[in-house]
Protein backbone atom coordinates (compact mmCIF):
# COMPACT_ATOMS: atom_id res chain seq x y z
CA MET A 1 7.62 5.35 0.22
CA ASP A 2 5.63 8.47 -0.18
CA PRO A 3 3.32 9.18 2.66
CA VAL A 4 -0.36 8.51 3.03
CA ILE A 5 -2.24 12.09 2.37
CA VAL A 6 -4.84 12.17 5.02
CA VAL A 7 -7.45 14.95 4.36
CA GLY A 8 -9.09 16.52 7.11
CA ALA A 9 -7.71 16.95 10.51
CA GLY A 10 -11.04 16.10 12.36
CA PRO A 11 -10.77 13.07 14.91
CA VAL A 12 -11.26 10.57 12.21
CA GLY A 13 -8.39 11.94 10.71
CA LEU A 14 -6.44 12.27 13.37
CA THR A 15 -7.21 8.52 14.31
CA LEU A 16 -6.16 7.49 11.10
CA SER A 17 -2.75 9.04 10.84
CA LEU A 18 -1.65 7.98 14.26
CA ALA A 19 -2.76 4.12 13.80
CA LEU A 20 -0.79 4.31 10.56
CA ALA A 21 2.30 5.58 12.08
CA ARG A 22 1.30 2.59 14.56
CA HIS A 23 1.92 0.61 11.67
CA GLY A 24 4.89 2.32 10.95
CA VAL A 25 3.33 4.15 7.82
CA PRO A 26 4.06 8.06 7.72
CA SER A 27 1.23 10.42 6.68
CA VAL A 28 0.29 14.15 6.16
CA VAL A 29 -2.49 15.08 7.24
CA LEU A 30 -3.87 18.49 5.32
CA ASP A 31 -5.92 20.95 7.65
CA GLU A 32 -8.01 23.43 6.28
CA GLY A 33 -7.99 25.22 9.38
CA PRO A 34 -5.46 26.94 11.58
CA GLY A 35 -4.69 23.93 13.66
CA LYS A 36 -7.35 24.63 16.46
CA ASP A 37 -10.19 23.71 17.55
CA GLU A 38 -13.85 25.46 18.98
CA GLN A 39 -14.51 24.56 22.32
CA ARG A 40 -18.10 23.32 22.41
CA PRO A 41 -19.40 21.93 25.30
CA ALA A 42 -22.68 20.56 23.68
CA ARG A 43 -20.91 18.76 20.90
CA THR A 44 -20.04 15.53 22.61
CA VAL A 45 -19.28 12.13 21.25
CA VAL A 46 -20.25 8.73 22.66
CA LEU A 47 -17.75 5.67 22.18
CA ARG A 48 -18.43 2.15 22.71
CA GLU A 49 -15.93 0.45 25.07
CA ASP A 50 -13.65 -0.89 21.96
CA THR A 51 -13.82 2.72 20.07
CA ALA A 52 -13.12 4.29 23.67
CA ALA A 53 -9.77 1.87 24.16
CA LEU A 54 -9.01 2.32 20.80
CA ALA A 55 -8.71 6.29 20.96
CA GLU A 56 -6.88 5.79 24.26
CA ARG A 57 -4.35 3.89 23.08
CA LEU A 58 -3.62 6.21 20.36
CA ALA A 59 -3.65 8.93 22.07
CA GLY A 60 -1.14 7.67 24.90
CA THR A 61 -3.58 8.86 27.94
CA SER A 62 -6.56 8.35 29.58
CA PHE A 63 -10.05 10.00 29.07
CA ASP A 64 -11.35 9.45 32.72
CA GLY A 65 -10.45 12.61 33.63
CA ALA A 66 -12.08 14.60 30.32
CA GLY A 67 -14.91 12.21 30.12
CA SER A 68 -17.69 10.35 32.12
CA ARG A 69 -18.23 6.89 31.94
CA TRP A 70 -21.40 6.20 33.53
CA THR A 71 -22.58 4.41 36.40
CA GLY A 72 -25.93 3.44 35.55
CA TRP A 73 -28.80 4.04 32.60
CA ARG A 74 -32.23 4.81 33.62
CA SER A 75 -35.52 5.13 31.27
CA LEU A 76 -38.55 6.71 32.40
CA ARG A 77 -41.51 7.15 30.49
CA ARG A 78 -44.50 9.75 31.33
CA LYS A 79 -44.24 9.48 35.57
CA GLN A 80 -42.57 5.72 35.28
CA GLU A 81 -39.47 3.97 35.85
CA MET A 82 -38.93 1.31 32.75
CA ARG A 83 -35.85 0.38 33.12
CA ALA A 84 -32.50 0.64 35.39
CA LEU A 85 -29.13 -0.64 34.58
CA THR A 86 -25.71 -0.86 36.32
CA PHE A 87 -22.51 -0.96 34.40
CA GLY A 88 -19.51 -2.91 35.42
CA GLU A 89 -17.30 -5.92 34.40
CA GLN A 90 -20.05 -7.38 32.73
CA MET A 91 -21.79 -4.23 31.28
CA PRO A 92 -18.62 -1.91 30.38
CA ALA A 93 -19.99 1.50 30.27
CA PRO A 94 -19.62 4.12 27.09
CA LEU A 95 -17.13 7.03 26.78
CA HIS A 96 -19.37 10.32 26.84
CA ILE A 97 -16.48 13.08 26.17
CA ALA A 98 -16.98 16.65 24.63
CA GLN A 99 -15.09 16.40 21.12
CA HIS A 100 -12.82 19.01 21.49
CA GLU A 101 -11.31 16.69 24.51
CA LEU A 102 -10.81 13.98 22.22
CA THR A 103 -9.64 15.91 19.60
CA GLY A 104 -7.09 17.90 21.48
CA ALA A 105 -5.62 14.81 22.87
CA LEU A 106 -4.91 13.10 19.51
CA ARG A 107 -3.61 16.39 18.14
CA ALA A 108 -1.23 16.16 21.31
CA ALA A 109 -0.56 12.65 20.49
CA VAL A 110 0.25 13.97 16.65
CA ALA A 111 2.51 16.26 17.96
CA ARG A 112 4.64 13.87 19.37
CA GLU A 113 4.38 11.53 16.53
CA ARG A 114 7.60 11.55 14.09
CA LEU A 115 5.85 10.19 11.53
CA VAL A 116 2.74 12.14 11.25
CA LYS A 117 2.52 15.93 9.70
CA ILE A 118 0.06 18.38 9.69
CA ALA A 119 -0.27 20.69 7.22
CA VAL A 120 -2.80 23.89 8.57
CA ASP A 121 -4.56 25.77 6.22
CA SER A 122 -4.16 23.82 3.49
CA ARG A 123 -7.52 23.34 1.63
CA LEU A 124 -7.36 20.98 -0.99
CA ASP A 125 -9.13 21.34 -4.71
CA GLY A 126 -7.18 18.92 -6.63
CA ILE A 127 -6.02 15.38 -6.56
CA ASP A 128 -3.97 13.49 -9.80
CA GLU A 129 -3.60 9.87 -9.85
CA GLU A 130 -0.82 8.01 -11.45
CA LYS A 131 0.45 4.51 -12.18
CA ASP A 132 3.04 4.66 -8.63
CA GLY A 133 0.92 7.30 -6.74
CA LEU A 134 -0.57 10.19 -6.60
CA THR A 135 -0.63 14.15 -6.54
CA ALA A 136 -2.96 16.30 -4.17
CA HIS A 137 -3.30 20.25 -4.60
CA THR A 138 -4.13 22.25 -1.97
CA ARG A 139 -4.77 26.34 -1.65
CA GLY A 140 -4.22 29.01 0.48
CA PRO A 141 -1.53 30.77 2.25
CA LYS A 142 0.74 27.26 2.12
CA GLY A 143 -0.84 25.76 -0.65
CA THR A 144 1.35 23.50 -2.96
CA TRP A 145 1.53 19.80 -4.24
CA TRP A 146 1.66 16.91 -2.25
CA ARG A 147 3.10 13.79 -3.10
CA GLY A 148 1.31 10.63 -1.39
CA SER A 149 1.03 6.58 -2.09
CA TYR A 150 -2.55 6.80 -1.09
CA LEU A 151 -4.99 9.38 -0.29
CA VAL A 152 -7.62 9.31 2.46
CA GLY A 153 -10.66 11.57 2.60
CA CYS A 154 -11.60 12.68 6.54
CA ASP A 155 -13.12 15.99 5.42
CA GLY A 156 -16.84 15.62 6.57
CA PRO A 157 -20.17 15.39 5.30
CA ARG A 158 -19.54 18.50 2.43
CA SER A 159 -16.29 16.39 1.92
CA THR A 160 -14.24 17.92 -1.01
CA VAL A 161 -12.46 14.44 -1.60
CA ARG A 162 -16.27 12.87 -2.39
CA LYS A 163 -17.12 15.73 -4.60
CA LEU A 164 -13.33 15.48 -6.70
CA LEU A 165 -13.97 12.11 -7.13
CA ASP A 166 -17.88 12.36 -8.44
CA ILE A 167 -19.51 9.93 -5.93
CA ARG A 168 -22.66 10.25 -4.97
CA PHE A 169 -24.50 10.67 -1.37
CA PRO A 170 -27.50 9.35 -1.46
CA GLY A 171 -29.96 9.32 2.06
CA ARG A 172 -32.63 11.35 3.53
CA THR A 173 -32.03 14.55 4.89
CA ALA A 174 -33.14 15.71 8.64
CA VAL A 175 -34.33 12.33 9.88
CA GLU A 176 -34.44 13.99 13.43
CA ARG A 177 -33.93 17.47 14.72
CA HIS A 178 -32.85 17.84 18.46
CA ALA A 179 -32.20 20.96 20.84
CA VAL A 180 -29.17 20.38 22.67
CA ALA A 181 -28.09 22.09 25.97
CA ALA A 182 -24.45 21.55 28.04
CA LEU A 183 -24.96 23.05 31.18
CA ARG A 184 -23.69 22.17 34.87
CA THR A 185 -26.12 21.41 37.65
CA GLU A 186 -27.30 18.91 39.96
CA LEU A 187 -29.60 16.12 39.04
CA PRO A 188 -31.18 12.82 41.19
CA TRP A 189 -29.29 10.73 39.09
CA PRO A 190 -25.50 11.52 39.46
CA GLY A 191 -23.15 9.73 37.01
CA GLU A 192 -26.61 8.09 35.14
CA ALA A 193 -27.52 9.01 31.95
CA LEU A 194 -31.26 9.28 31.56
CA LEU A 195 -33.82 8.51 28.52
CA HIS A 196 -37.28 10.11 29.08
CA ARG A 197 -40.01 9.59 26.88
CA SER A 198 -43.30 11.32 26.55
CA PRO A 199 -42.74 13.77 29.77
CA PRO A 200 -45.33 14.81 31.69
CA TRP A 201 -44.83 18.43 32.16
CA ARG A 202 -46.27 20.93 29.54
CA THR A 203 -45.82 23.97 31.23
CA SER A 204 -44.83 25.92 28.06
CA GLY A 205 -46.26 24.22 25.24
CA PRO A 206 -44.72 20.89 24.00
CA SER A 207 -41.77 19.66 25.34
CA GLY A 208 -41.24 17.00 22.90
CA PRO A 209 -41.56 13.43 23.08
CA GLU A 210 -38.34 12.44 24.25
CA ILE A 211 -35.06 14.00 26.24
CA VAL A 212 -32.10 12.15 26.74
CA GLY A 213 -29.84 13.78 29.63
CA ARG A 214 -25.81 12.43 29.58
CA PRO A 215 -23.62 13.31 32.03
CA LEU A 216 -20.39 14.76 31.30
CA ALA A 217 -16.83 15.83 33.85
CA ASP A 218 -17.47 18.00 36.60
CA GLY A 219 -20.87 17.73 36.88
CA VAL A 220 -21.73 19.01 33.39
CA TRP A 221 -24.76 17.26 31.19
CA ARG A 222 -25.70 17.06 27.79
CA LEU A 223 -29.70 17.59 27.49
CA ASP A 224 -31.07 16.84 24.33
CA TRP A 225 -34.93 17.29 23.53
CA LEU A 226 -36.27 15.57 20.44
CA LEU A 227 -37.98 18.20 18.81
CA PRO A 228 -41.63 17.49 16.85
CA PRO A 229 -41.79 17.10 12.99
CA ARG A 230 -42.32 20.88 11.71
CA SER A 231 -41.74 22.36 14.88
CA ASP A 232 -40.93 25.87 15.06
CA LEU A 233 -37.17 27.35 15.45
CA VAL A 234 -36.03 27.14 18.52
CA THR A 235 -35.51 30.47 19.80
CA PRO A 236 -33.12 30.97 23.06
CA ASP A 237 -36.20 32.16 24.96
CA VAL A 238 -37.79 28.54 24.02
CA LEU A 239 -34.88 26.50 24.68
CA VAL A 240 -34.31 28.40 28.33
CA SER A 241 -38.06 27.63 29.07
CA ARG A 242 -37.21 23.71 28.00
CA ILE A 243 -34.42 23.86 30.08
CA ARG A 244 -36.48 25.29 32.75
CA GLU A 245 -39.45 23.11 33.19
CA THR A 246 -37.49 19.69 32.27
CA LEU A 247 -35.06 20.46 35.34
CA ALA A 248 -37.96 21.19 37.55
CA GLY A 249 -39.86 17.93 36.32
CA TRP A 250 -36.37 15.94 37.29
CA CYS A 251 -36.19 17.62 40.42
CA GLY A 252 -39.65 17.77 41.89
CA GLY A 253 -40.88 21.08 40.60
CA SER A 254 -38.75 23.41 41.37
CA THR A 255 -35.73 24.42 39.13
CA PRO A 256 -32.41 23.80 40.61
CA PRO A 257 -29.22 26.21 40.17
CA TYR A 258 -27.34 25.83 36.54
CA GLU A 259 -25.00 27.42 34.38
CA LEU A 260 -25.73 27.36 30.76
CA LEU A 261 -22.40 26.68 28.95
CA ASP A 262 -23.35 26.08 25.05
CA THR A 263 -26.76 25.47 23.17
CA GLY A 264 -27.25 24.36 19.71
CA VAL A 265 -29.56 22.40 17.31
CA HIS A 266 -28.31 19.26 16.21
CA THR A 267 -29.62 17.83 13.02
CA VAL A 268 -29.77 14.22 11.94
CA HIS A 269 -29.00 13.00 8.21
CA HIS A 270 -28.66 9.44 6.89
CA ARG A 271 -27.05 9.47 3.58
CA LEU A 272 -24.13 6.58 2.76
CA ALA A 273 -21.85 6.78 -0.03
CA ARG A 274 -22.21 4.71 -3.06
CA ARG A 275 -18.53 3.91 -3.19
CA TRP A 276 -15.68 4.26 -0.23
CA ARG A 277 -12.49 3.43 -2.85
CA VAL A 278 -11.52 5.00 -6.16
CA GLY A 279 -8.21 3.55 -7.03
CA ARG A 280 -5.65 5.26 -4.43
CA VAL A 281 -8.12 7.24 -2.75
CA PHE A 282 -10.68 6.10 0.10
CA LEU A 283 -13.22 7.56 2.13
CA ALA A 284 -13.95 7.24 5.86
CA GLY A 285 -15.89 8.70 8.45
CA ASP A 286 -18.91 11.51 7.83
CA ALA A 287 -17.14 11.88 4.08
CA ALA A 288 -18.73 7.89 3.49
CA HIS A 289 -21.68 8.10 6.34
CA LEU A 290 -23.89 9.94 7.99
CA LEU A 291 -25.76 8.17 10.62
CA GLY A 292 -27.17 9.45 14.25
CA ALA A 293 -31.13 8.73 15.37
CA LEU A 294 -31.93 6.47 17.62
CA GLY A 295 -28.69 6.44 20.01
CA THR A 296 -26.31 5.63 17.24
CA GLN A 297 -22.97 7.49 16.91
CA GLY A 298 -21.54 8.33 13.98
CA LEU A 299 -18.20 9.17 15.12
CA ASP A 300 -17.45 5.33 16.49
CA GLU A 301 -18.20 4.02 12.77
CA GLY A 302 -15.98 6.74 11.42
CA LEU A 303 -13.15 5.83 14.50
CA ARG A 304 -14.01 1.93 13.12
CA ASP A 305 -13.33 2.44 9.62
CA ALA A 306 -9.98 4.54 9.86
CA ASP A 307 -9.02 1.35 12.60
CA ASN A 308 -9.89 -1.07 9.70
CA LEU A 309 -8.38 0.55 6.89
CA ALA A 310 -5.16 1.59 8.44
CA TRP A 311 -3.48 -2.08 8.64
CA LYS A 312 -4.48 -2.49 5.19
CA LEU A 313 -2.62 0.38 4.22
CA ALA A 314 0.10 -0.40 6.31
CA LEU A 315 0.50 -4.01 4.42
CA THR A 316 0.49 -2.38 1.16
CA TRP A 317 2.68 0.15 1.89
CA HIS A 318 5.19 -1.86 3.56
CA ASP A 319 4.80 -4.80 0.86
CA GLY A 320 8.29 -6.42 0.78
CA PRO A 321 8.68 -9.71 -0.28
CA ARG A 322 4.74 -10.68 -0.80
CA PRO A 323 2.65 -9.03 -3.03
CA VAL A 324 -0.58 -7.90 -1.69
CA PRO A 325 -3.65 -9.05 -3.33
CA VAL A 326 -5.87 -6.23 -4.58
CA ALA A 327 -8.83 -8.14 -2.34
CA LEU A 328 -7.23 -6.48 0.22
CA LEU A 329 -7.78 -2.68 0.19
CA ASP A 330 -10.93 -3.95 -1.19
CA SER A 331 -12.43 -5.42 1.38
CA TYR A 332 -12.48 -2.09 3.22
CA GLN A 333 -15.42 -1.10 1.44
CA THR A 334 -17.33 -4.47 0.95
CA GLU A 335 -16.58 -4.54 5.00
CA ARG A 336 -17.41 -1.20 6.29
CA ARG A 337 -19.78 -0.23 3.92
CA ALA A 338 -22.06 -3.64 5.04
CA VAL A 339 -21.86 -2.71 8.32
CA VAL A 340 -22.76 0.56 8.24
CA ALA A 341 -25.57 -0.07 5.72
CA ALA A 342 -27.40 -2.21 8.30
CA ARG A 343 -27.00 0.01 10.69
CA LEU A 344 -28.87 2.48 8.57
CA ARG A 345 -31.60 -0.32 7.41
CA ALA A 346 -32.34 -0.72 11.25
CA ALA A 347 -32.69 2.45 12.35
CA ASP A 348 -35.08 3.21 9.25
CA GLN A 349 -37.03 0.32 9.99
CA ALA A 350 -37.33 1.62 13.42
CA LEU A 351 -38.18 4.82 13.18
CA PRO A 352 -41.80 4.69 11.84
CA ILE A 353 -42.63 2.38 14.63
CA LEU A 354 -40.90 4.32 17.49
CA ARG A 355 -41.90 7.80 16.43
CA GLY A 356 -45.28 7.04 14.69
CA GLY A 357 -47.51 7.75 17.18
CA GLY A 358 -51.05 7.03 17.85
CA GLY A 359 -53.11 4.11 16.34
CA LEU A 360 -53.71 0.46 18.09
CA ARG A 361 -49.72 0.61 18.59
CA THR A 362 -49.90 2.85 21.46
CA TYR A 363 -52.58 0.69 23.45
CA VAL A 364 -50.51 -3.14 22.72
CA PRO A 365 -49.54 -4.33 26.01
CA GLY A 366 -45.57 -4.11 26.05
CA SER A 367 -45.09 -2.10 23.24
CA ALA A 368 -43.83 0.81 25.12
CA ARG A 369 -41.19 -1.49 27.14
CA GLY A 370 -40.02 -2.97 23.71
CA HIS A 371 -39.75 0.48 22.14
CA ASP A 372 -37.61 1.05 25.34
CA ALA A 373 -35.62 -1.82 25.35
CA LEU A 374 -35.02 -0.60 21.00
CA LEU A 375 -33.66 2.94 22.22
CA THR A 376 -31.60 1.76 24.94
CA ASP A 377 -29.78 -0.25 22.86
CA GLY A 378 -28.79 2.21 20.41
CA HIS A 379 -27.46 4.32 23.45
CA LEU A 380 -25.96 1.92 24.80
CA GLY A 381 -23.90 0.12 21.54
CA HIS A 382 -26.68 -3.34 22.04
CA GLY A 383 -28.73 -4.98 19.73
CA PRO A 384 -28.91 -4.09 15.84
CA LEU A 385 -29.13 -0.38 16.39
CA GLY A 386 -25.93 0.03 18.78
CA ALA A 387 -24.05 -3.32 18.78
CA PRO A 388 -20.41 -3.28 16.58
CA GLY A 389 -21.07 -4.83 13.13
CA THR A 390 -18.99 -7.97 12.33
CA TYR A 391 -17.04 -8.93 9.36
CA ALA A 392 -18.50 -12.90 8.63
CA ASP A 393 -19.22 -12.62 5.26
CA SER A 394 -15.86 -10.15 4.62
CA PRO A 395 -13.69 -11.70 1.47
CA LEU A 396 -11.05 -12.19 4.15
CA ALA A 397 -13.01 -14.35 6.40
CA PRO A 398 -11.61 -18.28 5.90
CA PRO A 399 -13.63 -21.03 5.27
CA HIS A 400 -15.16 -22.96 7.97
CA THR A 401 -14.04 -26.01 8.73
CA GLU A 402 -14.15 -29.03 10.93
CA SER A 403 -11.28 -27.81 12.99
CA VAL A 404 -13.13 -24.19 13.74
CA VAL A 405 -14.69 -23.94 17.41
CA ASP A 406 -17.37 -21.79 18.56
CA VAL A 407 -16.64 -19.05 21.01
CA ASP A 408 -18.31 -16.20 22.48
CA THR A 409 -16.62 -13.80 19.41
CA ALA A 410 -18.31 -14.60 16.36
CA PRO A 411 -16.23 -14.79 13.48
CA GLY A 412 -15.66 -11.42 11.98
CA ALA A 413 -16.28 -9.64 15.32
CA PRO A 414 -14.15 -7.50 18.19
CA ILE A 415 -12.13 -9.51 19.93
CA ALA A 416 -13.33 -9.75 24.29
CA ASP A 417 -10.35 -8.01 26.02
CA VAL A 418 -8.86 -10.81 28.22
CA ARG A 419 -5.55 -10.82 30.35
CA VAL A 420 -2.04 -12.75 28.36
CA THR A 421 1.03 -13.34 28.37
CA ALA A 422 3.27 -11.19 26.48
CA PRO A 423 6.19 -13.09 24.74
CA ASP A 424 8.21 -10.90 27.68
CA GLY A 425 6.42 -12.84 30.70
CA THR A 426 4.57 -9.80 31.54
CA PHE A 427 0.74 -9.64 31.68
CA VAL A 428 -0.81 -7.28 29.75
CA ARG A 429 -4.55 -6.91 28.29
CA LEU A 430 -5.00 -8.38 24.54
CA ARG A 431 -6.07 -4.90 23.02
CA ASP A 432 -3.28 -3.24 24.09
CA ARG A 433 -1.02 -5.40 21.51
CA LEU A 434 -3.32 -4.51 18.92
CA GLY A 435 -2.47 -2.00 16.01
CA LEU A 436 0.79 -2.77 15.75
CA GLY A 437 1.23 -4.38 12.36
CA ARG A 438 1.10 -8.00 13.51
CA LEU A 439 -1.60 -10.51 13.57
CA LEU A 440 -2.24 -12.05 17.00
CA VAL A 441 -2.82 -15.87 17.73
CA VAL A 442 -3.69 -16.52 21.42
CA LEU A 443 -3.53 -20.11 22.85
CA VAL A 444 -6.24 -20.67 25.49
CA ALA A 445 -4.46 -22.25 28.49
CA PRO A 446 -6.15 -22.82 31.90
CA GLY A 447 -3.12 -22.68 34.38
CA THR A 448 -0.27 -20.88 32.81
CA GLY A 449 -0.99 -17.47 34.79
CA VAL A 450 0.80 -19.11 37.92
CA TRP A 451 3.92 -20.18 36.28
CA GLU A 452 6.45 -17.98 34.11
CA ARG A 453 6.66 -18.20 30.74
CA LYS A 454 9.64 -20.02 30.87
CA HIS A 455 8.32 -23.00 32.33
CA TRP A 456 5.99 -23.94 29.56
CA MET A 457 7.40 -22.38 26.64
CA SER A 458 9.13 -25.45 25.65
CA ALA A 459 6.22 -27.93 26.98
CA GLY A 460 3.16 -29.62 25.74
CA LEU A 461 1.58 -27.74 22.87
CA MET A 462 3.68 -24.43 23.00
CA PRO A 463 6.72 -25.68 20.42
CA ARG A 464 4.67 -27.26 17.85
CA LEU A 465 2.64 -23.65 18.07
CA ALA A 466 5.32 -21.57 18.05
CA ALA A 467 6.68 -22.62 15.47
CA ALA A 468 3.64 -22.52 13.39
CA VAL A 469 3.21 -18.93 14.31
CA THR A 470 6.97 -18.48 13.05
CA ALA A 471 6.13 -19.97 9.59
CA LEU A 472 2.84 -17.80 9.44
CA PRO A 473 2.78 -15.40 6.00
CA HIS A 474 3.28 -12.43 8.10
CA GLU A 475 4.82 -11.22 11.50
CA ALA A 476 2.49 -12.63 14.39
CA GLU A 477 2.78 -12.35 17.73
CA LEU A 478 2.02 -15.63 19.98
CA LEU A 479 0.35 -14.73 23.25
CA VAL A 480 -1.31 -16.93 26.33
CA ALA A 481 -4.39 -16.41 27.99
CA GLU A 482 -5.71 -18.52 31.16
CA SER A 483 -9.12 -18.40 29.64
CA TYR A 484 -11.30 -16.59 27.00
CA PRO A 485 -15.09 -16.46 27.17
CA GLY A 486 -16.90 -19.43 25.68
CA ALA A 487 -13.34 -20.72 24.46
CA ALA A 488 -12.23 -24.80 25.72
CA ALA A 489 -9.20 -25.41 27.13
CA HIS A 490 -6.23 -25.62 23.85
CA THR A 491 -8.26 -23.41 21.56
CA VAL A 492 -6.09 -21.24 19.27
CA LEU A 493 -7.63 -17.76 18.39
CA LEU A 494 -6.26 -15.91 15.30
CA ILE A 495 -7.16 -12.10 15.64
CA ARG A 496 -6.51 -9.41 12.74
CA PRO A 497 -4.16 -6.20 13.78
CA ASP A 498 -7.78 -4.29 14.07
CA GLY A 499 -8.85 -7.01 17.10
CA HIS A 500 -11.05 -8.74 14.95
CA LEU A 501 -11.78 -12.17 15.19
CA VAL A 502 -10.21 -14.31 12.01
CA THR A 503 -11.01 -17.84 13.62
CA ALA A 504 -11.11 -19.91 16.86
CA LEU A 505 -9.56 -23.84 16.17
CA SER A 506 -9.49 -26.48 18.60
CA GLY A 507 -5.87 -27.21 19.05
CA VAL A 508 -2.65 -26.69 17.18
CA ARG A 509 -3.31 -27.12 13.32
CA PRO A 510 -0.53 -25.50 11.34
CA ALA A 511 -1.60 -25.96 8.01
CA GLU A 512 -5.31 -24.66 8.77
CA LEU A 513 -3.91 -21.78 10.55
CA TYR A 514 -1.59 -21.07 7.93
CA GLU A 515 -4.61 -20.63 5.08
CA ALA A 516 -6.80 -18.91 7.82
CA ALA A 517 -3.68 -16.19 7.93
CA GLU A 518 -3.25 -16.25 4.35
CA THR A 519 -6.82 -15.30 3.34
CA ALA A 520 -7.13 -13.03 6.30
CA LEU A 521 -4.32 -10.95 4.70
CA GLY A 522 -5.86 -11.13 0.94
CA GLY A 523 -5.38 -14.54 0.00
CA ARG A 524 -3.03 -16.07 -2.23
CA VAL A 525 -1.95 -13.76 -5.15
CA PRO A 526 -1.43 -16.23 -8.17
CA ASP A 527 0.33 -15.33 -10.83
CA GLY A 528 -0.93 -12.74 -12.95
CA GLU A 529 -3.10 -11.74 -10.83
CA PRO A 530 -3.37 -7.94 -10.28
CA VAL A 531 -1.43 -6.88 -6.61
CA GLU A 532 -1.30 -3.74 -4.60
CA THR A 533 1.73 -1.47 -4.59
CA GLY A 534 3.39 1.20 -2.66
CA ALA A 535 4.94 4.36 -4.47
CA LYS A 536 8.51 5.70 -5.30
CA ALA A 537 9.70 7.62 -2.66
CA ARG A 538 9.34 11.49 -3.62
CA GLY A 539 7.88 13.21 -0.91
CA PRO A 540 5.91 16.24 -0.64
CA ALA A 541 6.75 19.38 -3.63
């Protein structure tokens, strides 16, 4: 089979290539740059718990040393503290990391991965699709033709792939603008992120309606000042004044020592590509969507794009005796575009309320606290602005039957990370078994954790469930958990390779488990229906 061509060597492109390799699929990453990333401490990313786990799993390293998992969250309005939250097991902290640190770790993992090849100084300028594959042309010092089975454009907001496909990218420009600074200093809230609305100081003109402070490792902070609409250019002198007045305002009136590391202006755009798939070509990350207002993080969604698409491409690429329905790859656009569109709608509906200012809204009792809660949800990954989307309306979602039971994870949502017993008898985290090209079947069986697996594999429900798992239409791994949030004993969970729940069944029901698995893989292929196929092996030119 020809490799998958990934255009763009940013975090999304590298994540996709590593995810494909974990599924046993080779890829070629076309990097128009020299293979090095500029170090910009003010350019950071916030990843929710599950996407942070995905990045760490693929990079083969922990980001605790390179990034910062906040100890808490604090919200202020004028001089009043509105909310203080502490992160822990019940409320996991997001990961805040400089983007170049994330990209560097992913590049290092790619360098160790034999199934991924990076072609530097290779800028795409043409795509020719054929019946059994496609060919991509790059220009530059190493310009050549590349043969591939599929191509994924992860090449950013100005995506060449999107332009070559003539896909519209409508939306809104400059939804918000932020002045940004990365600096090393000591603040009164070590390890805590801070949202300060309507700060009371005005020593150097309007300081903006909102400031966000996010800690990084080694005493570094990223500060973002929301700029008023139609504000003037942010000159270096103006930015230094903002820094000094903000630090003084937070530290009792005097500016503490600080080291300025990096500055910038971050402009938020909201755009959504009309199509995410044209034949064998796909879009992912900023090439497919731009979002970022009200705490939402575009890269977090980009990594979810890569995770969603990787296992579907892998299933099609490996193909084998079971033909893959067209619906499987079509579901990538259906699922991911709907989730991002919902987040964009939620942000666009909230913006007039939160940024309108003045009027009777300002004096409505409780409105400030409601606004603060909405903003906090966006920053921390909760609610309509921040929570990961679910794929409940996906074509891969099986029908609801009488055997389906409710657990705390909704169908189509990311699973909770619990301890499970692996086939070799060891205890592992459920998320560690994701992304290996297999479906996961988890039996909730209280008490099994105190016995070796060999003692209960042949008892109770296990023989019948093991036989049902072996008979599934795709390779699956049987795991056992002592508990799962909201699940009763003997609940059976079916989980996709990207960690989204397919269904939860009461007890062992082989026929319904098989039907749910078949639907999650794109459904049965009737005679004469089009199927997805890979390409004959030819390799890069």
